[in-house]
Amino acid sequence: MSDRLHSEPALVQFSERLTNSAAFGALFREGMDLVEETASYLDGVGRTEAKALDRSVSLTYATESMRLTTRLMQLASWLLLHRAVKEGEMTLTQANREKTKVKLSAADPSPEEMLLRLPEQLQILIARSMVLQTKVRRLDVSIHAATTTHAPIGNPLVPQLNRLKAAFER
């Protein structure tokens, strides 16, 4: 037992625990619900609303609906990768390699004056997707932060606290 007290403590890898957290579960549900809601809107009411738009606004609608769909598919891919980690279907290292195919920096929406001409429901979906993208980017930084080596002297929580600080400063 005295050897245990004098040996270097093992750090808890916060990044490995995040995908098992309730916060990740809520984010996953939020993302998947938004994907379903958007698909339903674009295939239903949105299609009808798009036909009623002026030609110039119709082009913006087409562009923004494509950007929205692309953004959500990238976010869903990221969420599904990390759910696979949670379910034990892949390791965090494997997910890190696979996530390089996911672009979390999908195109930002058009200028606000153009967005304001779009149907209200599409504006809301775009705004919600941008909020979701911000949350996922923040979580991605926390999960995939480069593992730092720690000095045997000092507080072992400092690297973890620095990662949290960096994740929430954005």
N, C-alpha and C. Protein backbone atom coordinates (compact mmCIF):
# COMPACT_ATOMS: atom_id res chain seq x y z
N MET A 1 0.81 -1.18 0.00
CA MET A 1 0.00 0.00 0.00
C MET A 1 0.86 1.26 0.00
N SER A 2 1.99 1.23 0.74
CA SER A 2 2.84 2.42 0.76
C SER A 2 3.42 2.69 -0.62
N ASP A 3 3.60 1.64 -1.45
CA ASP A 3 4.07 1.85 -2.83
C ASP A 3 3.03 2.65 -3.62
N ARG A 4 1.77 2.37 -3.38
CA ARG A 4 0.70 3.08 -4.07
C ARG A 4 0.70 4.56 -3.72
N LEU A 5 0.97 4.86 -2.46
CA LEU A 5 0.95 6.24 -2.04
C LEU A 5 2.10 7.03 -2.64
N HIS A 6 3.20 6.38 -2.89
CA HIS A 6 4.37 7.08 -3.43
C HIS A 6 4.44 7.01 -4.95
N SER A 7 3.64 6.18 -5.55
CA SER A 7 3.68 6.10 -7.01
C SER A 7 2.90 7.27 -7.61
N GLU A 8 3.15 7.52 -8.87
CA GLU A 8 2.50 8.62 -9.56
C GLU A 8 1.03 8.29 -9.79
N PRO A 9 0.13 9.20 -9.45
CA PRO A 9 -1.29 8.91 -9.62
C PRO A 9 -1.67 8.87 -11.10
N ALA A 10 -2.60 7.99 -11.44
CA ALA A 10 -3.08 7.91 -12.81
C ALA A 10 -4.10 9.01 -13.03
N LEU A 11 -3.95 9.73 -14.14
CA LEU A 11 -4.90 10.79 -14.45
C LEU A 11 -6.16 10.19 -15.05
N VAL A 12 -7.26 10.74 -14.69
CA VAL A 12 -8.51 10.36 -15.31
C VAL A 12 -8.57 11.08 -16.64
N GLN A 13 -8.76 10.35 -17.72
CA GLN A 13 -8.84 10.96 -19.04
C GLN A 13 -10.26 11.50 -19.24
N PHE A 14 -10.41 12.78 -18.98
CA PHE A 14 -11.70 13.44 -19.08
C PHE A 14 -12.28 13.26 -20.48
N SER A 15 -11.44 13.35 -21.49
CA SER A 15 -11.91 13.24 -22.86
C SER A 15 -12.57 11.90 -23.14
N GLU A 16 -12.08 10.84 -22.51
CA GLU A 16 -12.66 9.52 -22.72
C GLU A 16 -14.00 9.37 -22.01
N ARG A 17 -14.26 10.19 -21.02
CA ARG A 17 -15.49 10.11 -20.25
C ARG A 17 -16.62 10.95 -20.86
N LEU A 18 -16.26 11.94 -21.67
CA LEU A 18 -17.27 12.85 -22.19
C LEU A 18 -18.34 12.16 -23.03
N THR A 19 -17.95 11.18 -23.84
CA THR A 19 -18.94 10.53 -24.68
C THR A 19 -19.91 9.67 -23.88
N ASN A 20 -19.56 9.33 -22.65
CA ASN A 20 -20.45 8.57 -21.79
C ASN A 20 -21.30 9.46 -20.88
N SER A 21 -21.17 10.75 -21.03
CA SER A 21 -21.86 11.66 -20.13
C SER A 21 -23.31 11.89 -20.57
N ALA A 22 -24.11 12.35 -19.63
CA ALA A 22 -25.49 12.72 -19.93
C ALA A 22 -25.53 13.89 -20.90
N ALA A 23 -24.56 14.79 -20.79
CA ALA A 23 -24.50 15.94 -21.70
C ALA A 23 -24.33 15.48 -23.14
N PHE A 24 -23.48 14.48 -23.37
CA PHE A 24 -23.31 13.96 -24.72
C PHE A 24 -24.61 13.33 -25.21
N GLY A 25 -25.27 12.56 -24.33
CA GLY A 25 -26.54 11.94 -24.70
C GLY A 25 -27.58 12.97 -25.11
N ALA A 26 -27.65 14.06 -24.36
CA ALA A 26 -28.60 15.13 -24.68
C ALA A 26 -28.23 15.80 -26.01
N LEU A 27 -26.93 16.04 -26.21
CA LEU A 27 -26.47 16.65 -27.45
C LEU A 27 -26.77 15.73 -28.64
N PHE A 28 -26.57 14.44 -28.46
CA PHE A 28 -26.84 13.47 -29.52
C PHE A 28 -28.33 13.52 -29.88
N ARG A 29 -29.20 13.49 -28.90
CA ARG A 29 -30.65 13.54 -29.17
C ARG A 29 -31.03 14.85 -29.85
N GLU A 30 -30.46 15.94 -29.36
CA GLU A 30 -30.74 17.25 -29.95
C GLU A 30 -30.35 17.26 -31.43
N GLY A 31 -29.18 16.74 -31.72
CA GLY A 31 -28.70 16.71 -33.10
C GLY A 31 -29.55 15.83 -34.01
N MET A 32 -29.87 14.64 -33.55
CA MET A 32 -30.67 13.73 -34.37
C MET A 32 -32.10 14.24 -34.55
N ASP A 33 -32.65 14.86 -33.49
CA ASP A 33 -33.99 15.45 -33.61
C ASP A 33 -33.99 16.59 -34.64
N LEU A 34 -32.93 17.40 -34.61
CA LEU A 34 -32.83 18.51 -35.56
C LEU A 34 -32.71 18.00 -36.99
N VAL A 35 -31.96 16.93 -37.19
CA VAL A 35 -31.84 16.34 -38.53
C VAL A 35 -33.22 15.89 -39.02
N GLU A 36 -33.96 15.18 -38.18
CA GLU A 36 -35.30 14.70 -38.57
C GLU A 36 -36.25 15.85 -38.82
N GLU A 37 -36.24 16.83 -37.94
CA GLU A 37 -37.13 17.97 -38.09
C GLU A 37 -36.84 18.74 -39.38
N THR A 38 -35.56 18.91 -39.68
CA THR A 38 -35.17 19.63 -40.89
C THR A 38 -35.58 18.86 -42.14
N ALA A 39 -35.34 17.56 -42.15
CA ALA A 39 -35.74 16.74 -43.30
C ALA A 39 -37.24 16.81 -43.53
N SER A 40 -37.99 16.73 -42.45
CA SER A 40 -39.46 16.80 -42.54
C SER A 40 -39.89 18.16 -43.10
N TYR A 41 -39.29 19.21 -42.61
CA TYR A 41 -39.63 20.55 -43.08
C TYR A 41 -39.30 20.71 -44.57
N LEU A 42 -38.08 20.35 -44.95
CA LEU A 42 -37.65 20.55 -46.34
C LEU A 42 -38.44 19.70 -47.32
N ASP A 43 -38.90 18.54 -46.89
CA ASP A 43 -39.70 17.68 -47.76
C ASP A 43 -41.18 18.02 -47.76
N GLY A 44 -41.61 18.84 -46.82
CA GLY A 44 -43.04 19.15 -46.69
C GLY A 44 -43.32 20.63 -46.86
N VAL A 45 -43.54 21.28 -45.74
CA VAL A 45 -43.91 22.71 -45.72
C VAL A 45 -42.87 23.56 -46.45
N GLY A 46 -41.60 23.23 -46.25
CA GLY A 46 -40.54 24.02 -46.88
C GLY A 46 -40.60 24.01 -48.39
N ARG A 47 -40.95 22.88 -48.93
CA ARG A 47 -41.07 22.77 -50.39
C ARG A 47 -42.19 23.70 -50.90
N THR A 48 -43.29 23.71 -50.19
CA THR A 48 -44.41 24.58 -50.55
C THR A 48 -44.01 26.05 -50.40
N GLU A 49 -43.36 26.38 -49.30
CA GLU A 49 -42.92 27.77 -49.08
C GLU A 49 -41.92 28.22 -50.13
N ALA A 50 -41.04 27.32 -50.54
CA ALA A 50 -40.02 27.67 -51.54
C ALA A 50 -40.66 28.04 -52.88
N LYS A 51 -41.73 27.37 -53.24
CA LYS A 51 -42.41 27.64 -54.52
C LYS A 51 -43.05 29.02 -54.53
N ALA A 52 -43.37 29.55 -53.38
CA ALA A 52 -44.03 30.85 -53.29
C ALA A 52 -43.05 32.02 -53.23
N LEU A 53 -41.76 31.75 -53.20
CA LEU A 53 -40.76 32.81 -53.06
C LEU A 53 -40.43 33.48 -54.39
N ASP A 54 -40.00 34.76 -54.30
CA ASP A 54 -39.48 35.45 -55.49
C ASP A 54 -38.25 34.72 -55.99
N ARG A 55 -37.91 34.94 -57.23
CA ARG A 55 -36.78 34.24 -57.85
C ARG A 55 -35.47 34.45 -57.10
N SER A 56 -35.17 35.69 -56.71
CA SER A 56 -33.90 35.96 -56.02
C SER A 56 -33.87 35.29 -54.64
N VAL A 57 -34.98 35.31 -53.94
CA VAL A 57 -35.06 34.68 -52.63
C VAL A 57 -35.04 33.16 -52.79
N SER A 58 -35.62 32.69 -53.86
CA SER A 58 -35.65 31.25 -54.13
C SER A 58 -34.23 30.69 -54.26
N LEU A 59 -33.35 31.45 -54.89
CA LEU A 59 -31.95 31.03 -55.01
C LEU A 59 -31.29 30.97 -53.64
N THR A 60 -31.55 31.95 -52.80
CA THR A 60 -31.02 31.95 -51.43
C THR A 60 -31.58 30.77 -50.65
N TYR A 61 -32.88 30.49 -50.83
CA TYR A 61 -33.51 29.35 -50.16
C TYR A 61 -32.78 28.05 -50.55
N ALA A 62 -32.56 27.88 -51.85
CA ALA A 62 -31.89 26.66 -52.31
C ALA A 62 -30.48 26.55 -51.74
N THR A 63 -29.76 27.66 -51.75
CA THR A 63 -28.39 27.67 -51.21
C THR A 63 -28.38 27.36 -49.73
N GLU A 64 -29.25 28.03 -48.99
CA GLU A 64 -29.26 27.86 -47.53
C GLU A 64 -29.78 26.49 -47.11
N SER A 65 -30.74 25.95 -47.83
CA SER A 65 -31.22 24.61 -47.48
C SER A 65 -30.14 23.57 -47.75
N MET A 66 -29.33 23.79 -48.81
CA MET A 66 -28.22 22.88 -49.09
C MET A 66 -27.14 23.02 -48.02
N ARG A 67 -26.82 24.23 -47.63
CA ARG A 67 -25.83 24.45 -46.56
C ARG A 67 -26.30 23.83 -45.25
N LEU A 68 -27.58 24.03 -44.94
CA LEU A 68 -28.16 23.49 -43.72
C LEU A 68 -28.07 21.96 -43.71
N THR A 69 -28.45 21.36 -44.80
CA THR A 69 -28.40 19.90 -44.92
C THR A 69 -26.97 19.39 -44.78
N THR A 70 -26.04 20.04 -45.44
CA THR A 70 -24.63 19.64 -45.36
C THR A 70 -24.12 19.78 -43.93
N ARG A 71 -24.41 20.91 -43.30
CA ARG A 71 -23.97 21.14 -41.92
C ARG A 71 -24.52 20.05 -40.99
N LEU A 72 -25.80 19.75 -41.14
CA LEU A 72 -26.41 18.75 -40.26
C LEU A 72 -25.87 17.35 -40.52
N MET A 73 -25.58 17.03 -41.75
CA MET A 73 -25.03 15.69 -42.05
C MET A 73 -23.62 15.55 -41.46
N GLN A 74 -22.85 16.61 -41.50
CA GLN A 74 -21.52 16.56 -40.89
C GLN A 74 -21.62 16.43 -39.37
N LEU A 75 -22.53 17.17 -38.78
CA LEU A 75 -22.72 17.09 -37.33
C LEU A 75 -23.24 15.71 -36.93
N ALA A 76 -24.17 15.18 -37.71
CA ALA A 76 -24.70 13.84 -37.42
C ALA A 76 -23.60 12.80 -37.53
N SER A 77 -22.73 12.94 -38.51
CA SER A 77 -21.60 12.00 -38.67
C SER A 77 -20.71 12.04 -37.44
N TRP A 78 -20.40 13.23 -36.97
CA TRP A 78 -19.57 13.38 -35.77
C TRP A 78 -20.26 12.74 -34.57
N LEU A 79 -21.54 13.03 -34.40
CA LEU A 79 -22.28 12.47 -33.26
C LEU A 79 -22.34 10.95 -33.33
N LEU A 80 -22.56 10.40 -34.50
CA LEU A 80 -22.62 8.94 -34.65
C LEU A 80 -21.28 8.29 -34.37
N LEU A 81 -20.20 8.94 -34.80
CA LEU A 81 -18.85 8.42 -34.50
C LEU A 81 -18.65 8.32 -32.99
N HIS A 82 -19.03 9.35 -32.29
CA HIS A 82 -18.79 9.38 -30.86
C HIS A 82 -19.79 8.51 -30.08
N ARG A 83 -20.95 8.30 -30.67
CA ARG A 83 -21.86 7.32 -30.05
C ARG A 83 -21.26 5.93 -30.18
N ALA A 84 -20.58 5.66 -31.30
CA ALA A 84 -19.91 4.36 -31.47
C ALA A 84 -18.84 4.17 -30.40
N VAL A 85 -18.16 5.25 -30.02
CA VAL A 85 -17.18 5.17 -28.93
C VAL A 85 -17.91 4.85 -27.64
N LYS A 86 -19.01 5.53 -27.40
CA LYS A 86 -19.79 5.30 -26.18
C LYS A 86 -20.27 3.86 -26.09
N GLU A 87 -20.68 3.30 -27.22
CA GLU A 87 -21.20 1.94 -27.26
C GLU A 87 -20.10 0.88 -27.28
N GLY A 88 -18.84 1.33 -27.34
CA GLY A 88 -17.72 0.39 -27.35
C GLY A 88 -17.47 -0.23 -28.71
N GLU A 89 -18.07 0.33 -29.76
CA GLU A 89 -17.89 -0.19 -31.10
C GLU A 89 -16.57 0.25 -31.72
N MET A 90 -16.00 1.31 -31.19
CA MET A 90 -14.68 1.78 -31.63
C MET A 90 -14.03 2.53 -30.49
N THR A 91 -12.73 2.68 -30.59
CA THR A 91 -11.99 3.41 -29.56
C THR A 91 -11.98 4.89 -29.91
N LEU A 92 -11.63 5.70 -28.93
CA LEU A 92 -11.52 7.14 -29.17
C LEU A 92 -10.44 7.42 -30.21
N THR A 93 -9.39 6.64 -30.21
CA THR A 93 -8.32 6.80 -31.19
C THR A 93 -8.84 6.53 -32.60
N GLN A 94 -9.64 5.48 -32.75
CA GLN A 94 -10.23 5.19 -34.06
C GLN A 94 -11.17 6.31 -34.49
N ALA A 95 -11.98 6.79 -33.56
CA ALA A 95 -12.90 7.89 -33.87
C ALA A 95 -12.12 9.14 -34.27
N ASN A 96 -11.01 9.38 -33.62
CA ASN A 96 -10.18 10.54 -33.93
C ASN A 96 -9.67 10.45 -35.37
N ARG A 97 -9.29 9.24 -35.79
CA ARG A 97 -8.83 9.07 -37.19
C ARG A 97 -10.00 9.27 -38.16
N GLU A 98 -11.14 8.72 -37.84
CA GLU A 98 -12.31 8.82 -38.72
C GLU A 98 -12.87 10.23 -38.78
N LYS A 99 -12.76 10.96 -37.69
CA LYS A 99 -13.36 12.29 -37.65
C LYS A 99 -12.66 13.28 -38.59
N THR A 100 -11.49 12.91 -39.07
CA THR A 100 -10.82 13.80 -40.03
C THR A 100 -11.64 13.93 -41.32
N LYS A 101 -12.54 12.98 -41.56
CA LYS A 101 -13.41 13.03 -42.74
C LYS A 101 -14.62 13.93 -42.51
N VAL A 102 -14.85 14.30 -41.27
CA VAL A 102 -16.00 15.13 -40.90
C VAL A 102 -15.54 16.59 -40.86
N LYS A 103 -16.28 17.43 -41.52
CA LYS A 103 -15.94 18.86 -41.55
C LYS A 103 -16.88 19.63 -40.63
N LEU A 104 -16.38 20.00 -39.48
CA LEU A 104 -17.18 20.74 -38.52
C LEU A 104 -17.21 22.23 -38.83
N SER A 105 -16.55 22.61 -39.89
CA SER A 105 -16.52 24.02 -40.27
C SER A 105 -17.30 24.21 -41.57
N ALA A 106 -18.46 23.57 -41.66
CA ALA A 106 -19.30 23.71 -42.86
C ALA A 106 -19.60 25.19 -43.07
N ALA A 107 -19.95 25.51 -44.30
CA ALA A 107 -20.15 26.90 -44.70
C ALA A 107 -21.10 27.65 -43.77
N ASP A 108 -20.71 28.85 -43.44
CA ASP A 108 -21.57 29.72 -42.65
C ASP A 108 -22.71 30.19 -43.53
N PRO A 109 -23.82 30.57 -42.92
CA PRO A 109 -24.96 31.02 -43.72
C PRO A 109 -24.70 32.36 -44.41
N SER A 110 -25.59 32.69 -45.31
CA SER A 110 -25.53 33.96 -46.04
C SER A 110 -25.64 35.14 -45.08
N PRO A 111 -25.39 36.34 -45.58
CA PRO A 111 -25.56 37.53 -44.72
C PRO A 111 -26.98 37.60 -44.17
N GLU A 112 -27.10 38.20 -42.99
CA GLU A 112 -28.38 38.25 -42.28
C GLU A 112 -29.51 38.88 -43.10
N GLU A 113 -29.19 39.90 -43.87
CA GLU A 113 -30.25 40.55 -44.65
C GLU A 113 -30.87 39.59 -45.68
N MET A 114 -30.09 38.65 -46.17
CA MET A 114 -30.63 37.63 -47.08
C MET A 114 -31.44 36.59 -46.31
N LEU A 115 -30.93 36.19 -45.15
CA LEU A 115 -31.62 35.19 -44.34
C LEU A 115 -32.99 35.68 -43.89
N LEU A 116 -33.10 36.97 -43.60
CA LEU A 116 -34.37 37.53 -43.13
C LEU A 116 -35.47 37.46 -44.18
N ARG A 117 -35.11 37.25 -45.43
CA ARG A 117 -36.10 37.14 -46.51
C ARG A 117 -36.62 35.71 -46.66
N LEU A 118 -35.98 34.77 -45.96
CA LEU A 118 -36.37 33.35 -46.04
C LEU A 118 -37.56 33.08 -45.13
N PRO A 119 -38.27 31.97 -45.36
CA PRO A 119 -39.36 31.60 -44.45
C PRO A 119 -38.85 31.47 -43.02
N GLU A 120 -39.69 31.85 -42.08
CA GLU A 120 -39.31 31.89 -40.67
C GLU A 120 -38.82 30.52 -40.16
N GLN A 121 -39.50 29.47 -40.54
CA GLN A 121 -39.12 28.14 -40.05
C GLN A 121 -37.71 27.77 -40.53
N LEU A 122 -37.36 28.12 -41.76
CA LEU A 122 -36.01 27.83 -42.25
C LEU A 122 -34.99 28.66 -41.48
N GLN A 123 -35.31 29.90 -41.19
CA GLN A 123 -34.41 30.75 -40.39
C GLN A 123 -34.15 30.11 -39.03
N ILE A 124 -35.20 29.60 -38.41
CA ILE A 124 -35.08 28.97 -37.09
C ILE A 124 -34.20 27.73 -37.18
N LEU A 125 -34.41 26.91 -38.19
CA LEU A 125 -33.61 25.69 -38.35
C LEU A 125 -32.14 26.02 -38.58
N ILE A 126 -31.88 27.04 -39.37
CA ILE A 126 -30.49 27.47 -39.62
C ILE A 126 -29.85 27.93 -38.31
N ALA A 127 -30.56 28.75 -37.55
CA ALA A 127 -30.02 29.24 -36.27
C ALA A 127 -29.75 28.09 -35.31
N ARG A 128 -30.68 27.16 -35.22
CA ARG A 128 -30.49 26.00 -34.32
C ARG A 128 -29.30 25.15 -34.77
N SER A 129 -29.13 25.00 -36.08
CA SER A 129 -27.99 24.21 -36.57
C SER A 129 -26.67 24.88 -36.24
N MET A 130 -26.65 26.20 -36.26
CA MET A 130 -25.43 26.93 -35.92
C MET A 130 -25.11 26.79 -34.43
N VAL A 131 -26.13 26.80 -33.58
CA VAL A 131 -25.93 26.60 -32.15
C VAL A 131 -25.40 25.18 -31.91
N LEU A 132 -26.01 24.21 -32.57
CA LEU A 132 -25.55 22.82 -32.44
C LEU A 132 -24.11 22.68 -32.90
N GLN A 133 -23.78 23.32 -34.01
CA GLN A 133 -22.41 23.27 -34.52
C GLN A 133 -21.42 23.83 -33.51
N THR A 134 -21.78 24.92 -32.86
CA THR A 134 -20.91 25.52 -31.84
C THR A 134 -20.70 24.55 -30.68
N LYS A 135 -21.78 23.91 -30.23
CA LYS A 135 -21.67 22.95 -29.13
C LYS A 135 -20.78 21.77 -29.51
N VAL A 136 -20.97 21.25 -30.71
CA VAL A 136 -20.18 20.10 -31.15
C VAL A 136 -18.72 20.48 -31.30
N ARG A 137 -18.45 21.65 -31.87
CA ARG A 137 -17.05 22.10 -32.01
C ARG A 137 -16.38 22.19 -30.63
N ARG A 138 -17.11 22.76 -29.67
CA ARG A 138 -16.57 22.91 -28.30
C ARG A 138 -16.27 21.53 -27.70
N LEU A 139 -17.20 20.61 -27.85
CA LEU A 139 -17.01 19.27 -27.32
C LEU A 139 -15.87 18.55 -28.04
N ASP A 140 -15.77 18.77 -29.34
CA ASP A 140 -14.70 18.16 -30.13
C ASP A 140 -13.33 18.59 -29.63
N VAL A 141 -13.20 19.86 -29.32
CA VAL A 141 -11.93 20.38 -28.80
C VAL A 141 -11.61 19.70 -27.47
N SER A 142 -12.62 19.54 -26.63
CA SER A 142 -12.41 18.90 -25.33
C SER A 142 -12.04 17.43 -25.46
N ILE A 143 -12.74 16.74 -26.33
CA ILE A 143 -12.51 15.30 -26.47
C ILE A 143 -11.18 15.00 -27.14
N HIS A 144 -10.86 15.74 -28.16
CA HIS A 144 -9.70 15.40 -28.98
C HIS A 144 -8.49 16.30 -28.74
N ALA A 145 -8.47 16.99 -27.61
CA ALA A 145 -7.30 17.80 -27.27
C ALA A 145 -6.10 16.88 -27.16
N ALA A 146 -4.99 17.35 -27.64
CA ALA A 146 -3.77 16.54 -27.58
C ALA A 146 -3.46 16.21 -26.14
N THR A 147 -3.17 14.96 -25.91
CA THR A 147 -2.81 14.54 -24.56
C THR A 147 -1.47 15.15 -24.20
N THR A 148 -1.46 15.83 -23.07
CA THR A 148 -0.22 16.46 -22.64
C THR A 148 0.43 15.57 -21.59
N THR A 149 1.74 15.58 -21.59
CA THR A 149 2.45 14.84 -20.55
C THR A 149 2.54 15.75 -19.35
N HIS A 150 2.47 15.17 -18.19
CA HIS A 150 2.49 15.99 -16.99
C HIS A 150 3.77 15.72 -16.22
N ALA A 151 4.20 16.75 -15.54
CA ALA A 151 5.38 16.63 -14.70
C ALA A 151 4.99 15.92 -13.41
N PRO A 152 5.88 15.11 -12.84
CA PRO A 152 5.54 14.40 -11.63
C PRO A 152 5.29 15.33 -10.45
N ILE A 153 5.78 16.56 -10.53
CA ILE A 153 5.56 17.52 -9.45
C ILE A 153 4.49 18.50 -9.91
N GLY A 154 3.60 18.84 -9.02
CA GLY A 154 2.55 19.80 -9.37
C GLY A 154 1.18 19.16 -9.32
N ASN A 155 0.21 19.94 -9.64
CA ASN A 155 -1.18 19.51 -9.59
C ASN A 155 -1.54 18.75 -10.87
N PRO A 156 -1.94 17.49 -10.76
CA PRO A 156 -2.28 16.71 -11.95
C PRO A 156 -3.58 17.16 -12.62
N LEU A 157 -4.33 18.03 -11.97
CA LEU A 157 -5.57 18.52 -12.56
C LEU A 157 -5.36 19.70 -13.51
N VAL A 158 -4.20 20.33 -13.45
CA VAL A 158 -3.95 21.52 -14.26
C VAL A 158 -4.15 21.25 -15.76
N PRO A 159 -3.60 20.18 -16.33
CA PRO A 159 -3.85 19.96 -17.77
C PRO A 159 -5.34 19.79 -18.09
N GLN A 160 -6.07 19.12 -17.23
CA GLN A 160 -7.51 18.93 -17.45
C GLN A 160 -8.24 20.28 -17.37
N LEU A 161 -7.89 21.08 -16.38
CA LEU A 161 -8.51 22.39 -16.23
C LEU A 161 -8.19 23.30 -17.41
N ASN A 162 -6.97 23.21 -17.91
CA ASN A 162 -6.58 24.01 -19.09
C ASN A 162 -7.40 23.60 -20.31
N ARG A 163 -7.65 22.30 -20.48
CA ARG A 163 -8.48 21.84 -21.61
C ARG A 163 -9.89 22.39 -21.50
N LEU A 164 -10.45 22.34 -20.29
CA LEU A 164 -11.80 22.87 -20.09
C LEU A 164 -11.83 24.36 -20.38
N LYS A 165 -10.83 25.08 -19.89
CA LYS A 165 -10.76 26.52 -20.10
C LYS A 165 -10.69 26.82 -21.59
N ALA A 166 -9.85 26.10 -22.32
CA ALA A 166 -9.70 26.31 -23.76
C ALA A 166 -11.00 26.00 -24.50
N ALA A 167 -11.70 24.98 -24.07
CA ALA A 167 -12.94 24.59 -24.74
C ALA A 167 -14.04 25.63 -24.57
N PHE A 168 -14.07 26.28 -23.42
CA PHE A 168 -15.16 27.22 -23.16
C PHE A 168 -14.81 28.67 -23.45
N GLU A 169 -13.60 28.93 -23.91
CA GLU A 169 -13.22 30.30 -24.27
C GLU A 169 -13.69 30.66 -25.66
N ARG A 170 -14.08 29.69 -26.43
CA ARG A 170 -14.49 29.97 -27.82
C ARG A 170 -15.84 30.59 -27.90
